[in-house]
Amino acid sequence: KLLGLSPEWYRSRQYRCRAVREPRRVLAEFGTLLPPEVSELRVHDSTADCRYMVLPERPANTEGWTEEALLPLVSRDSLLG
């Protein structure tokens, strides 16, 4: 089950340009701070013909949890961060 359509701001040209131009700042707005030793950051902009899905890592100490138990941990920030 998918979360549905992405929000309008996420599809906007302005946001997509910012994500390409200043990816560290955009990631920081979602709470993801990259350490300085990460010297390369590649941004792949999606188009109508190409979509990328990023699956978050399983949270620590959740091995064996049911889908129902994991579901409350899924948030916008965990999928977009």
Protein backbone atom coordinates (compact mmCIF):
# COMPACT_ATOMS: atom_id res chain seq x y z
CA LYS A 1 0.00 0.00 0.00
CA LEU A 2 1.44 3.37 -1.04
CA LEU A 3 0.89 6.61 0.81
CA GLY A 4 -0.78 8.20 -2.22
CA LEU A 5 0.16 11.06 -4.48
CA SER A 6 3.08 13.21 -3.50
CA PRO A 7 2.19 16.67 -2.21
CA GLU A 8 2.02 19.58 -4.65
CA TRP A 9 5.09 21.32 -3.16
CA TYR A 10 7.15 18.15 -3.74
CA ARG A 11 6.25 18.12 -7.44
CA SER A 12 6.82 21.85 -7.92
CA ARG A 13 9.62 22.98 -10.18
CA GLN A 14 10.87 25.35 -7.47
CA TYR A 15 11.34 22.54 -4.91
CA ARG A 16 12.92 20.19 -7.45
CA CYS A 17 15.38 22.90 -8.51
CA ARG A 18 16.28 23.59 -4.88
CA ALA A 19 16.85 19.89 -4.23
CA VAL A 20 19.34 19.81 -7.10
CA ARG A 21 20.97 23.18 -6.29
CA GLU A 22 21.27 22.82 -2.49
CA PRO A 23 20.59 19.20 -1.52
CA ARG A 24 22.27 19.37 1.89
CA ARG A 25 20.05 22.27 2.94
CA VAL A 26 16.89 20.53 1.72
CA LEU A 27 17.85 17.32 3.56
CA ALA A 28 18.60 19.34 6.71
CA GLU A 29 15.06 20.76 6.59
CA PHE A 30 13.85 17.16 7.01
CA GLY A 31 16.26 16.53 9.89
CA THR A 32 18.92 14.68 7.89
CA LEU A 33 22.32 16.23 8.55
CA LEU A 34 25.16 14.75 6.53
CA PRO A 35 28.60 14.69 8.13
CA PRO A 36 31.28 16.87 6.48
CA GLU A 37 33.21 13.78 5.36
CA VAL A 38 30.39 13.01 2.92
CA SER A 39 32.01 14.92 0.09
CA GLU A 40 29.77 13.79 -2.77
CA LEU A 41 26.00 13.99 -2.95
CA ARG A 42 24.20 13.07 -6.16
CA VAL A 43 20.65 14.15 -6.90
CA HIS A 44 18.60 12.32 -9.50
CA ASP A 45 15.54 14.32 -10.44
CA SER A 46 12.56 12.19 -11.38
CA THR A 47 10.40 12.81 -14.42
CA ALA A 48 7.07 11.54 -15.65
CA ASP A 49 8.95 8.56 -17.12
CA CYS A 50 11.22 7.79 -14.18
CA ARG A 51 10.53 7.46 -10.46
CA TYR A 52 12.83 6.56 -7.58
CA MET A 53 11.68 4.90 -4.39
CA VAL A 54 13.87 5.02 -1.31
CA LEU A 55 13.09 2.48 1.35
CA PRO A 56 14.09 3.51 4.86
CA GLU A 57 16.25 1.24 6.96
CA ARG A 58 14.47 -0.95 9.47
CA PRO A 59 14.59 0.84 12.84
CA ALA A 60 16.91 -0.72 15.39
CA ASN A 61 15.47 -3.45 17.62
CA THR A 62 12.36 -4.04 15.48
CA GLU A 63 13.28 -7.44 14.06
CA GLY A 64 10.27 -9.73 14.21
CA TRP A 65 7.75 -6.87 14.50
CA THR A 66 4.54 -7.27 12.52
CA GLU A 67 3.55 -4.86 9.77
CA GLU A 68 0.90 -3.44 12.09
CA ALA A 69 3.51 -2.71 14.77
CA LEU A 70 5.86 -1.05 12.25
CA LEU A 71 3.18 1.07 10.56
CA PRO A 72 3.11 3.89 13.18
CA LEU A 73 6.84 4.42 12.58
CA VAL A 74 6.28 5.34 8.92
CA SER A 75 6.01 9.08 8.46
CA ARG A 76 6.55 11.66 5.76
CA ASP A 77 9.98 12.43 7.13
CA SER A 78 11.04 8.80 7.22
CA LEU A 79 10.19 8.48 3.52
CA LEU A 80 11.48 11.86 2.32
CA GLY A 81 14.47 12.45 4.58
